[in-house]
PDB file of N, CA and C in Angstrom:
ATOM      1  N   MET A   1      23.633   6.602 216.273  1.00  0.00           N
ATOM      2  CA  MET A   1      23.938   5.447 215.747  1.00  0.00           C
ATOM      3  C   MET A   1      23.951   5.641 214.133  1.00  0.00           C
ATOM      4  N   ASP A   2      24.757   5.157 213.378  1.00  0.00           N
ATOM      5  CA  ASP A   2      24.763   5.294 212.001  1.00  0.00           C
ATOM      6  C   ASP A   2      24.180   3.994 211.313  1.00  0.00           C
ATOM      7  N   PHE A   3      23.691   4.334 210.038  1.00  0.00           N
ATOM      8  CA  PHE A   3      23.033   3.216 209.107  1.00  0.00           C
ATOM      9  C   PHE A   3      23.754   1.801 209.619  1.00  0.00           C
ATOM     10  N   PHE A   4      25.042   1.930 209.232  1.00  0.00           N
ATOM     11  CA  PHE A   4      25.532   0.400 209.230  1.00  0.00           C
ATOM     12  C   PHE A   4      25.580  -0.187 210.777  1.00  0.00           C
ATOM     13  N   GLN A   5      25.664   0.640 211.700  1.00  0.00           N
ATOM     14  CA  GLN A   5      25.358   0.178 213.034  1.00  0.00           C
ATOM     15  C   GLN A   5      24.362  -0.522 213.329  1.00  0.00           C
ATOM     16  N   LYS A   6      23.089   0.192 212.613  1.00  0.00           N
ATOM     17  CA  LYS A   6      21.923  -0.306 212.796  1.00  0.00           C
ATOM     18  C   LYS A   6      21.642  -1.611 212.081  1.00  0.00           C
ATOM     19  N   VAL A   7      22.313  -1.708 210.914  1.00  0.00           N
ATOM     20  CA  VAL A   7      22.375  -2.978 210.152  1.00  0.00           C
ATOM     21  C   VAL A   7      22.909  -3.943 210.903  1.00  0.00           C
ATOM     22  N   TYR A   8      23.862  -3.961 211.613  1.00  0.00           N
ATOM     23  CA  TYR A   8      24.697  -4.696 212.395  1.00  0.00           C
ATOM     24  C   TYR A   8      23.851  -5.311 213.559  1.00  0.00           C
ATOM     25  N   GLN A   9      23.055  -4.147 214.178  1.00  0.00           N
ATOM     26  CA  GLN A   9      22.171  -4.433 215.281  1.00  0.00           C
ATOM     27  C   GLN A   9      21.117  -5.538 214.932  1.00  0.00           C
ATOM     28  N   VAL A  10      20.385  -5.207 213.750  1.00  0.00           N
ATOM     29  CA  VAL A  10      19.346  -6.094 213.346  1.00  0.00           C
ATOM     30  C   VAL A  10      19.880  -7.429 212.929  1.00  0.00           C
ATOM     31  N   THR A  11      21.105  -7.496 212.347  1.00  0.00           N
ATOM     32  CA  THR A  11      21.644  -8.586 211.661  1.00  0.00           C
ATOM     33  C   THR A  11      22.008  -9.694 212.897  1.00  0.00           C
ATOM     34  N   GLN A  12      22.567  -9.020 213.990  1.00  0.00           N
ATOM     35  CA  GLN A  12      22.786  -9.759 215.077  1.00  0.00           C
ATOM     36  C   GLN A  12      21.648 -10.627 215.862  1.00  0.00           C
ATOM     37  N   GLN A  13      20.435 -10.005 215.469  1.00  0.00           N
ATOM     38  CA  GLN A  13      19.169 -10.719 216.111  1.00  0.00           C
ATOM     39  C   GLN A  13      18.481 -11.828 215.258  1.00  0.00           C
ATOM     40  N   ILE A  14      19.081 -11.985 214.210  1.00  0.00           N
ATOM     41  CA  ILE A  14      18.383 -13.021 213.388  1.00  0.00           C
ATOM     42  C   ILE A  14      18.730 -14.375 213.675  1.00  0.00           C
ATOM     43  N   PRO A  15      17.564 -15.017 214.202  1.00  0.00           N
ATOM     44  CA  PRO A  15      17.736 -16.331 214.889  1.00  0.00           C
ATOM     45  C   PRO A  15      18.369 -17.381 214.180  1.00  0.00           C
ATOM     46  N   GLU A  16      19.054 -18.319 214.557  1.00  0.00           N
ATOM     47  CA  GLU A  16      19.692 -19.507 214.067  1.00  0.00           C
ATOM     48  C   GLU A  16      18.450 -20.437 213.524  1.00  0.00           C
ATOM     49  N   GLY A  17      18.733 -20.731 212.185  1.00  0.00           N
ATOM     50  CA  GLY A  17      17.798 -21.585 211.331  1.00  0.00           C
ATOM     51  C   GLY A  17      17.034 -20.540 210.485  1.00  0.00           C
ATOM     52  N   ARG A  18      16.946 -19.237 210.633  1.00  0.00           N
ATOM     53  CA  ARG A  18      16.246 -18.441 209.866  1.00  0.00           C
ATOM     54  C   ARG A  18      16.907 -17.612 209.051  1.00  0.00           C
ATOM     55  N   ILE A  19      16.347 -16.878 207.978  1.00  0.00           N
ATOM     56  CA  ILE A  19      17.210 -16.072 207.129  1.00  0.00           C
ATOM     57  C   ILE A  19      16.253 -14.696 207.038  1.00  0.00           C
ATOM     58  N   THR A  20      16.967 -13.749 206.250  1.00  0.00           N
ATOM     59  CA  THR A  20      16.151 -12.596 206.125  1.00  0.00           C
ATOM     60  C   THR A  20      16.890 -12.049 204.679  1.00  0.00           C
ATOM     61  N   THR A  21      16.461 -10.894 204.236  1.00  0.00           N
ATOM     62  CA  THR A  21      17.049 -10.156 203.004  1.00  0.00           C
ATOM     63  C   THR A  21      17.290  -9.030 203.500  1.00  0.00           C
ATOM     64  N   TYR A  22      18.381  -8.678 202.363  1.00  0.00           N
ATOM     65  CA  TYR A  22      18.987  -6.972 202.413  1.00  0.00           C
ATOM     66  C   TYR A  22      17.732  -6.149 202.468  1.00  0.00           C
ATOM     67  N   GLY A  23      16.972  -6.140 201.369  1.00  0.00           N
ATOM     68  CA  GLY A  23      15.641  -5.233 201.579  1.00  0.00           C
ATOM     69  C   GLY A  23      14.977  -5.353 202.455  1.00  0.00           C
ATOM     70  N   THR A  24      14.630  -6.553 203.153  1.00  0.00           N
ATOM     71  CA  THR A  24      13.765  -6.662 204.480  1.00  0.00           C
ATOM     72  C   THR A  24      14.419  -5.940 205.668  1.00  0.00           C
ATOM     73  N   ILE A  25      15.814  -5.951 205.883  1.00  0.00           N
ATOM     74  CA  ILE A  25      16.533  -4.978 206.658  1.00  0.00           C
ATOM     75  C   ILE A  25      16.279  -3.472 206.410  1.00  0.00           C
ATOM     76  N   ALA A  26      16.450  -3.268 205.220  1.00  0.00           N
ATOM     77  CA  ALA A  26      16.466  -1.776 204.762  1.00  0.00           C
ATOM     78  C   ALA A  26      15.158  -1.247 205.163  1.00  0.00           C
ATOM     79  N   ASN A  27      14.116  -2.132 204.605  1.00  0.00           N
ATOM     80  CA  ASN A  27      12.845  -1.576 204.899  1.00  0.00           C
ATOM     81  C   ASN A  27      12.642  -1.307 206.439  1.00  0.00           C
ATOM     82  N   TYR A  28      12.992  -2.271 207.412  1.00  0.00           N
ATOM     83  CA  TYR A  28      12.945  -2.082 208.788  1.00  0.00           C
ATOM     84  C   TYR A  28      13.627  -0.733 209.241  1.00  0.00           C
ATOM     85  N   LEU A  29      14.590  -0.528 208.621  1.00  0.00           N
ATOM     86  CA  LEU A  29      15.296   0.642 209.122  1.00  0.00           C
ATOM     87  C   LEU A  29      14.952   1.904 208.243  1.00  0.00           C
ATOM     88  N   GLY A  30      13.680   1.806 207.807  1.00  0.00           N
ATOM     89  CA  GLY A  30      13.054   3.017 207.116  1.00  0.00           C
ATOM     90  C   GLY A  30      13.834   3.586 205.873  1.00  0.00           C
ATOM     91  N   ALA A  31      14.631   2.765 205.302  1.00  0.00           N
ATOM     92  CA  ALA A  31      15.208   3.101 204.111  1.00  0.00           C
ATOM     93  C   ALA A  31      14.913   1.910 202.934  1.00  0.00           C
ATOM     94  N   PRO A  32      13.748   2.078 202.321  1.00  0.00           N
ATOM     95  CA  PRO A  32      13.473   0.893 201.774  1.00  0.00           C
ATOM     96  C   PRO A  32      14.051   0.696 200.427  1.00  0.00           C
ATOM     97  N   ARG A  33      14.774   1.806 200.018  1.00  0.00           N
ATOM     98  CA  ARG A  33      15.639   1.357 198.713  1.00  0.00           C
ATOM     99  C   ARG A  33      17.125   1.335 198.931  1.00  0.00           C
ATOM    100  N   SER A  34      17.454   0.818 200.107  1.00  0.00           N
ATOM    101  CA  SER A  34      18.835   0.869 200.469  1.00  0.00           C
ATOM    102  C   SER A  34      19.317  -0.497 200.666  1.00  0.00           C
ATOM    103  N   ALA A  35      18.793  -1.562 200.132  1.00  0.00           N
ATOM    104  CA  ALA A  35      19.138  -2.854 200.250  1.00  0.00           C
ATOM    105  C   ALA A  35      20.521  -3.292 199.817  1.00  0.00           C
ATOM    106  N   ARG A  36      21.050  -2.555 198.865  1.00  0.00           N
ATOM    107  CA  ARG A  36      22.418  -2.610 198.370  1.00  0.00           C
ATOM    108  C   ARG A  36      23.405  -1.982 199.452  1.00  0.00           C
ATOM    109  N   MET A  37      22.928  -1.019 200.201  1.00  0.00           N
ATOM    110  CA  MET A  37      23.708  -0.301 201.277  1.00  0.00           C
ATOM    111  C   MET A  37      23.777  -1.349 202.460  1.00  0.00           C
ATOM    112  N   VAL A  38      22.786  -2.209 202.697  1.00  0.00           N
ATOM    113  CA  VAL A  38      22.690  -3.153 203.610  1.00  0.00           C
ATOM    114  C   VAL A  38      23.925  -4.228 203.340  1.00  0.00           C
ATOM    115  N   GLY A  39      23.880  -4.589 201.966  1.00  0.00           N
ATOM    116  CA  GLY A  39      24.851  -5.393 201.661  1.00  0.00           C
ATOM    117  C   GLY A  39      26.433  -4.737 202.033  1.00  0.00           C
ATOM    118  N   TRP A  40      26.478  -3.699 201.703  1.00  0.00           N
ATOM    119  CA  TRP A  40      27.740  -2.875 201.890  1.00  0.00           C
ATOM    120  C   TRP A  40      28.282  -2.961 203.296  1.00  0.00           C
ATOM    121  N   ALA A  41      27.089  -2.700 203.962  1.00  0.00           N
ATOM    122  CA  ALA A  41      27.500  -2.683 205.637  1.00  0.00           C
ATOM    123  C   ALA A  41      27.827  -3.942 206.031  1.00  0.00           C
ATOM    124  N   LEU A  42      27.191  -4.947 205.628  1.00  0.00           N
ATOM    125  CA  LEU A  42      27.812  -6.438 205.897  1.00  0.00           C
ATOM    126  C   LEU A  42      29.096  -6.784 205.568  1.00  0.00           C
ATOM    127  N   ASN A  43      29.309  -6.468 204.226  1.00  0.00           N
ATOM    128  CA  ASN A  43      30.622  -6.567 203.633  1.00  0.00           C
ATOM    129  C   ASN A  43      31.714  -5.999 204.483  1.00  0.00           C
ATOM    130  N   LYS A  44      31.446  -4.605 204.919  1.00  0.00           N
ATOM    131  CA  LYS A  44      32.668  -4.002 205.661  1.00  0.00           C
ATOM    132  C   LYS A  44      32.621  -4.482 207.021  1.00  0.00           C
ATOM    133  N   SER A  45      31.687  -5.205 207.689  1.00  0.00           N
ATOM    134  CA  SER A  45      31.685  -5.711 209.040  1.00  0.00           C
ATOM    135  C   SER A  45      32.791  -6.882 209.200  1.00  0.00           C
ATOM    136  N   ASN A  46      33.079  -7.292 210.523  1.00  0.00           N
ATOM    137  CA  ASN A  46      33.855  -8.615 210.765  1.00  0.00           C
ATOM    138  C   ASN A  46      32.766  -9.566 210.494  1.00  0.00           C
ATOM    139  N   VAL A  47      32.670 -10.430 209.439  1.00  0.00           N
ATOM    140  CA  VAL A  47      31.394 -11.407 209.596  1.00  0.00           C
ATOM    141  C   VAL A  47      31.530 -12.500 210.527  1.00  0.00           C
ATOM    142  N   ARG A  48      32.599 -12.574 211.128  1.00  0.00           N
ATOM    143  CA  ARG A  48      32.827 -13.429 212.051  1.00  0.00           C
ATOM    144  C   ARG A  48      32.132 -13.066 213.504  1.00  0.00           C
ATOM    145  N   ASP A  49      31.558 -11.981 213.492  1.00  0.00           N
ATOM    146  CA  ASP A  49      31.004 -11.435 214.465  1.00  0.00           C
ATOM    147  C   ASP A  49      29.572 -11.319 214.545  1.00  0.00           C
ATOM    148  N   LEU A  50      29.032 -11.452 213.123  1.00  0.00           N
ATOM    149  CA  LEU A  50      27.686 -11.450 212.913  1.00  0.00           C
ATOM    150  C   LEU A  50      27.033 -12.660 212.186  1.00  0.00           C
ATOM    151  N   PRO A  51      25.943 -12.787 212.441  1.00  0.00           N
ATOM    152  CA  PRO A  51      25.533 -13.975 211.521  1.00  0.00           C
ATOM    153  C   PRO A  51      25.072 -13.608 210.314  1.00  0.00           C
ATOM    154  N   ALA A  52      25.845 -12.759 209.444  1.00  0.00           N
ATOM    155  CA  ALA A  52      25.670 -12.391 208.193  1.00  0.00           C
ATOM    156  C   ALA A  52      25.253 -13.209 207.200  1.00  0.00           C
ATOM    157  N   HIS A  53      25.793 -14.759 207.396  1.00  0.00           N
ATOM    158  CA  HIS A  53      25.175 -15.563 206.463  1.00  0.00           C
ATOM    159  C   HIS A  53      23.941 -15.762 206.449  1.00  0.00           C
ATOM    160  N   ARG A  54      23.076 -15.303 207.346  1.00  0.00           N
ATOM    161  CA  ARG A  54      21.621 -15.337 207.126  1.00  0.00           C
ATOM    162  C   ARG A  54      20.913 -14.464 206.473  1.00  0.00           C
ATOM    163  N   VAL A  55      21.839 -13.573 205.757  1.00  0.00           N
ATOM    164  CA  VAL A  55      20.921 -12.609 205.019  1.00  0.00           C
ATOM    165  C   VAL A  55      21.507 -12.824 203.408  1.00  0.00           C
ATOM    166  N   VAL A  56      20.250 -12.912 202.684  1.00  0.00           N
ATOM    167  CA  VAL A  56      20.249 -13.267 201.205  1.00  0.00           C
ATOM    168  C   VAL A  56      19.633 -12.310 200.506  1.00  0.00           C
ATOM    169  N   ASN A  57      19.639 -12.293 199.189  1.00  0.00           N
ATOM    170  CA  ASN A  57      18.815 -11.275 198.339  1.00  0.00           C
ATOM    171  C   ASN A  57      17.459 -11.880 198.178  1.00  0.00           C
ATOM    172  N   ARG A  58      16.629 -11.096 197.764  1.00  0.00           N
ATOM    173  CA  ARG A  58      15.218 -11.262 197.717  1.00  0.00           C
ATOM    174  C   ARG A  58      14.775 -12.532 197.116  1.00  0.00           C
ATOM    175  N   ASN A  59      15.614 -13.288 196.085  1.00  0.00           N
ATOM    176  CA  ASN A  59      15.280 -14.414 195.700  1.00  0.00           C
ATOM    177  C   ASN A  59      15.742 -15.664 196.429  1.00  0.00           C
ATOM    178  N   GLY A  60      16.386 -15.308 197.337  1.00  0.00           N
ATOM    179  CA  GLY A  60      17.134 -16.435 198.336  1.00  0.00           C
ATOM    180  C   GLY A  60      18.557 -16.712 197.776  1.00  0.00           C
ATOM    181  N   LEU A  61      19.015 -15.990 196.836  1.00  0.00           N
ATOM    182  CA  LEU A  61      20.310 -16.201 196.536  1.00  0.00           C
ATOM    183  C   LEU A  61      21.415 -15.834 197.371  1.00  0.00           C
ATOM    184  N   LEU A  62      22.646 -16.858 197.570  1.00  0.00           N
ATOM    185  CA  LEU A  62      23.699 -16.363 198.378  1.00  0.00           C
ATOM    186  C   LEU A  62      24.456 -15.498 197.812  1.00  0.00           C
ATOM    187  N   THR A  63      24.219 -14.266 197.539  1.00  0.00           N
ATOM    188  CA  THR A  63      24.834 -13.415 196.745  1.00  0.00           C
ATOM    189  C   THR A  63      26.111 -13.071 197.537  1.00  0.00           C
ATOM    190  N   GLY A  64      26.092 -12.956 198.790  1.00  0.00           N
ATOM    191  CA  GLY A  64      27.339 -12.533 199.609  1.00  0.00           C
ATOM    192  C   GLY A  64      28.393 -13.675 199.968  1.00  0.00           C
ATOM    193  N   LYS A  65      28.209 -14.759 199.201  1.00  0.00           N
ATOM    194  CA  LYS A  65      28.972 -15.753 199.636  1.00  0.00           C
ATOM    195  C   LYS A  65      30.695 -15.595 199.287  1.00  0.00           C
ATOM    196  N   PHE A  66      30.967 -14.691 198.483  1.00  0.00           N
ATOM    197  CA  PHE A  66      32.268 -14.433 198.212  1.00  0.00           C
ATOM    198  C   PHE A  66      32.818 -13.600 199.158  1.00  0.00           C
ATOM    199  N   HIS A  67      32.098 -13.220 200.199  1.00  0.00           N
ATOM    200  CA  HIS A  67      32.987 -12.317 201.138  1.00  0.00           C
ATOM    201  C   HIS A  67      33.238 -13.247 202.409  1.00  0.00           C
ATOM    202  N   PHE A  68      33.127 -14.525 202.516  1.00  0.00           N
ATOM    203  CA  PHE A  68      33.108 -15.508 203.393  1.00  0.00           C
ATOM    204  C   PHE A  68      34.554 -16.218 203.071  1.00  0.00           C
ATOM    205  N   ASP A  69      35.175 -16.774 203.896  1.00  0.00           N
ATOM    206  CA  ASP A  69      36.483 -17.541 203.537  1.00  0.00           C
ATOM    207  C   ASP A  69      35.869 -18.997 203.019  1.00  0.00           C
ATOM    208  N   GLY A  70      36.384 -18.883 201.824  1.00  0.00           N
ATOM    209  CA  GLY A  70      35.873 -20.128 201.244  1.00  0.00           C
ATOM    210  C   GLY A  70      34.693 -20.190 200.553  1.00  0.00           C
ATOM    211  N   THR A  71      34.475 -20.293 199.186  1.00  0.00           N
ATOM    212  CA  THR A  71      33.390 -20.104 198.465  1.00  0.00           C
ATOM    213  C   THR A  71      31.885 -20.800 199.075  1.00  0.00           C
ATOM    214  N   ASN A  72      32.254 -21.929 199.716  1.00  0.00           N
ATOM    215  CA  ASN A  72      31.129 -22.687 200.211  1.00  0.00           C
ATOM    216  C   ASN A  72      30.815 -22.424 201.583  1.00  0.00           C
ATOM    217  N   LEU A  73      31.599 -21.541 202.280  1.00  0.00           N
ATOM    218  CA  LEU A  73      31.169 -21.573 203.715  1.00  0.00           C
ATOM    219  C   LEU A  73      29.931 -20.911 204.005  1.00  0.00           C
ATOM    220  N   MET A  74      29.474 -19.884 203.295  1.00  0.00           N
ATOM    221  CA  MET A  74      28.132 -19.474 203.611  1.00  0.00           C
ATOM    222  C   MET A  74      26.998 -20.400 203.707  1.00  0.00           C
ATOM    223  N   LYS A  75      27.046 -21.327 202.393  1.00  0.00           N
ATOM    224  CA  LYS A  75      26.163 -22.432 202.092  1.00  0.00           C
ATOM    225  C   LYS A  75      26.414 -23.205 203.460  1.00  0.00           C
ATOM    226  N   GLU A  76      27.482 -23.713 203.813  1.00  0.00           N
ATOM    227  CA  GLU A  76      27.575 -24.737 204.701  1.00  0.00           C
ATOM    228  C   GLU A  76      27.158 -24.328 206.182  1.00  0.00           C
ATOM    229  N   LEU A  77      27.410 -22.795 206.503  1.00  0.00           N
ATOM    230  CA  LEU A  77      26.833 -22.289 207.844  1.00  0.00           C
ATOM    231  C   LEU A  77      25.165 -22.388 207.681  1.00  0.00           C
ATOM    232  N   LEU A  78      24.533 -22.172 206.477  1.00  0.00           N
ATOM    233  CA  LEU A  78      23.354 -22.255 206.542  1.00  0.00           C
ATOM    234  C   LEU A  78      22.981 -23.718 206.659  1.00  0.00           C
ATOM    235  N   GLU A  79      23.360 -24.615 205.911  1.00  0.00           N
ATOM    236  CA  GLU A  79      23.015 -25.939 206.079  1.00  0.00           C
ATOM    237  C   GLU A  79      23.185 -26.672 207.298  1.00  0.00           C
ATOM    238  N   ASN A  80      24.105 -26.131 208.244  1.00  0.00           N
ATOM    239  CA  ASN A  80      24.295 -26.627 209.420  1.00  0.00           C
ATOM    240  C   ASN A  80      23.278 -26.231 210.481  1.00  0.00           C
ATOM    241  N   GLU A  81      22.597 -25.098 210.011  1.00  0.00           N
ATOM    242  CA  GLU A  81      21.432 -24.716 210.793  1.00  0.00           C
ATOM    243  C   GLU A  81      20.233 -25.281 210.254  1.00  0.00           C
ATOM    244  N   GLY A  82      20.266 -26.263 209.415  1.00  0.00           N
ATOM    245  CA  GLY A  82      18.905 -26.680 209.008  1.00  0.00           C
ATOM    246  C   GLY A  82      18.239 -26.449 207.664  1.00  0.00           C
ATOM    247  N   ILE A  83      19.006 -25.062 207.090  1.00  0.00           N
ATOM    248  CA  ILE A  83      18.170 -24.612 205.893  1.00  0.00           C
ATOM    249  C   ILE A  83      18.616 -25.129 204.630  1.00  0.00           C
ATOM    250  N   LEU A  84      17.931 -25.636 203.879  1.00  0.00           N
ATOM    251  CA  LEU A  84      18.163 -26.324 202.503  1.00  0.00           C
ATOM    252  C   LEU A  84      18.755 -25.379 201.605  1.00  0.00           C
ATOM    253  N   VAL A  85      19.837 -25.404 200.985  1.00  0.00           N
ATOM    254  CA  VAL A  85      20.304 -24.842 200.025  1.00  0.00           C
ATOM    255  C   VAL A  85      20.846 -25.586 198.718  1.00  0.00           C
ATOM    256  N   VAL A  86      20.430 -25.050 197.588  1.00  0.00           N
ATOM    257  CA  VAL A  86      20.386 -25.886 196.327  1.00  0.00           C
ATOM    258  C   VAL A  86      21.260 -24.817 195.318  1.00  0.00           C
ATOM    259  N   ASP A  87      22.343 -25.070 194.491  1.00  0.00           N
ATOM    260  CA  ASP A  87      22.697 -24.171 193.591  1.00  0.00           C
ATOM    261  C   ASP A  87      22.667 -22.696 194.229  1.00  0.00           C
ATOM    262  N   ASN A  88      23.549 -22.771 195.517  1.00  0.00           N
ATOM    263  CA  ASN A  88      23.428 -21.444 195.989  1.00  0.00           C
ATOM    264  C   ASN A  88      22.170 -20.495 196.273  1.00  0.00           C
ATOM    265  N   GLN A  89      20.969 -21.289 196.330  1.00  0.00           N
ATOM    266  CA  GLN A  89      19.814 -20.823 196.522  1.00  0.00           C
ATOM    267  C   GLN A  89      18.988 -21.242 197.779  1.00  0.00           C
ATOM    268  N   ILE A  90      18.375 -20.652 198.501  1.00  0.00           N
ATOM    269  CA  ILE A  90      17.491 -21.261 199.647  1.00  0.00           C
ATOM    270  C   ILE A  90      16.211 -21.856 198.946  1.00  0.00           C
ATOM    271  N   GLN A  91      16.119 -22.958 199.532  1.00  0.00           N
ATOM    272  CA  GLN A  91      14.816 -23.734 198.988  1.00  0.00           C
ATOM    273  C   GLN A  91      13.708 -23.386 199.902  1.00  0.00           C
ATOM    274  N   GLU A  92      12.634 -23.226 199.593  1.00  0.00           N
ATOM    275  CA  GLU A  92      11.097 -23.253 200.531  1.00  0.00           C
ATOM    276  C   GLU A  92      11.628 -21.972 201.378  1.00  0.00           C
ATOM    277  N   MET A  93      12.080 -20.705 200.921  1.00  0.00           N
ATOM    278  CA  MET A  93      12.363 -19.771 201.676  1.00  0.00           C
ATOM    279  C   MET A  93      11.458 -19.291 202.693  1.00  0.00           C
ATOM    280  N   GLU A  94      10.089 -19.439 202.389  1.00  0.00           N
ATOM    281  CA  GLU A  94       9.093 -18.876 203.278  1.00  0.00           C
ATOM    282  C   GLU A  94       9.108 -19.698 204.650  1.00  0.00           C
ATOM    283  N   ASN A  95       9.643 -20.995 204.531  1.00  0.00           N
ATOM    284  CA  ASN A  95       9.627 -21.593 205.674  1.00  0.00           C
ATOM    285  C   ASN A  95      10.960 -21.141 206.890  1.00  0.00           C
ATOM    286  N   TYR A  96      11.846 -20.364 206.402  1.00  0.00           N
ATOM    287  CA  TYR A  96      12.920 -19.926 207.166  1.00  0.00           C
ATOM    288  C   TYR A  96      12.712 -18.301 207.263  1.00  0.00           C
ATOM    289  N   PHE A  97      11.871 -17.722 206.627  1.00  0.00           N
ATOM    290  CA  PHE A  97      12.250 -16.138 206.676  1.00  0.00           C
ATOM    291  C   PHE A  97      11.802 -15.595 207.910  1.00  0.00           C
ATOM    292  N   TRP A  98      12.603 -14.502 208.206  1.00  0.00           N
ATOM    293  CA  TRP A  98      12.250 -13.874 209.426  1.00  0.00           C
ATOM    294  C   TRP A  98      12.232 -12.484 209.109  1.00  0.00           C
ATOM    295  N   ASP A  99      11.294 -11.759 209.514  1.00  0.00           N
ATOM    296  CA  ASP A  99      10.993 -10.231 209.317  1.00  0.00           C
ATOM    297  C   ASP A  99      10.958  -9.442 210.728  1.00  0.00           C
ATOM    298  N   PRO A 100      12.217  -8.815 210.643  1.00  0.00           N
ATOM    299  CA  PRO A 100      12.230  -7.996 211.964  1.00  0.00           C
ATOM    300  C   PRO A 100      11.083  -6.972 212.218  1.00  0.00           C
ATOM    301  N   ALA A 101      10.433  -6.551 211.320  1.00  0.00           N
ATOM    302  CA  ALA A 101       9.026  -5.798 211.628  1.00  0.00           C
ATOM    303  C   ALA A 101       8.300  -6.532 212.330  1.00  0.00           C
ATOM    304  N   LYS A 102       8.349  -7.848 212.110  1.00  0.00           N
ATOM    305  CA  LYS A 102       7.030  -8.821 212.934  1.00  0.00           C
ATOM    306  C   LYS A 102       7.710  -9.376 214.128  1.00  0.00           C
ATOM    307  N   GLU A 103       9.030  -9.642 214.277  1.00  0.00           N
ATOM    308  CA  GLU A 103       9.763 -10.249 215.212  1.00  0.00           C
ATOM    309  C   GLU A 103      10.199  -9.334 216.262  1.00  0.00           C
ATOM    310  N   LEU A 104      10.798  -8.003 216.058  1.00  0.00           N
ATOM    311  CA  LEU A 104      11.165  -7.314 216.933  1.00  0.00           C
ATOM    312  C   LEU A 104      10.380  -6.090 217.318  1.00  0.00           C
ATOM    313  N   LEU A 105       9.930  -5.944 218.638  1.00  0.00           N
ATOM    314  CA  LEU A 105       9.170  -4.994 219.095  1.00  0.00           C
ATOM    315  C   LEU A 105       9.702  -3.751 219.636  1.00  0.00           C
TER     316      LEU A 105
END
């Protein structure tokens, strides 16, 4: 399985109402300096098949929002799951954070 496929496999498991970061996925996959590659993988995916809206940058910014249909779709999807977003940034990120290293066994 290639790196992109592994990214998709982890992303698919992010629970509704939770978020993670590109770097957290990269760390989990044993490639701690590959956060940007995680972003590329998600950009190349069919985002309709993955909950890619649940992956944000390390500061909680919706940096991937331009890859969704309509510039507010990512924000709307997160808000529909109960996640508070203000000015394209997750608020109280620690309340929603999901770490695959702790959640996936």
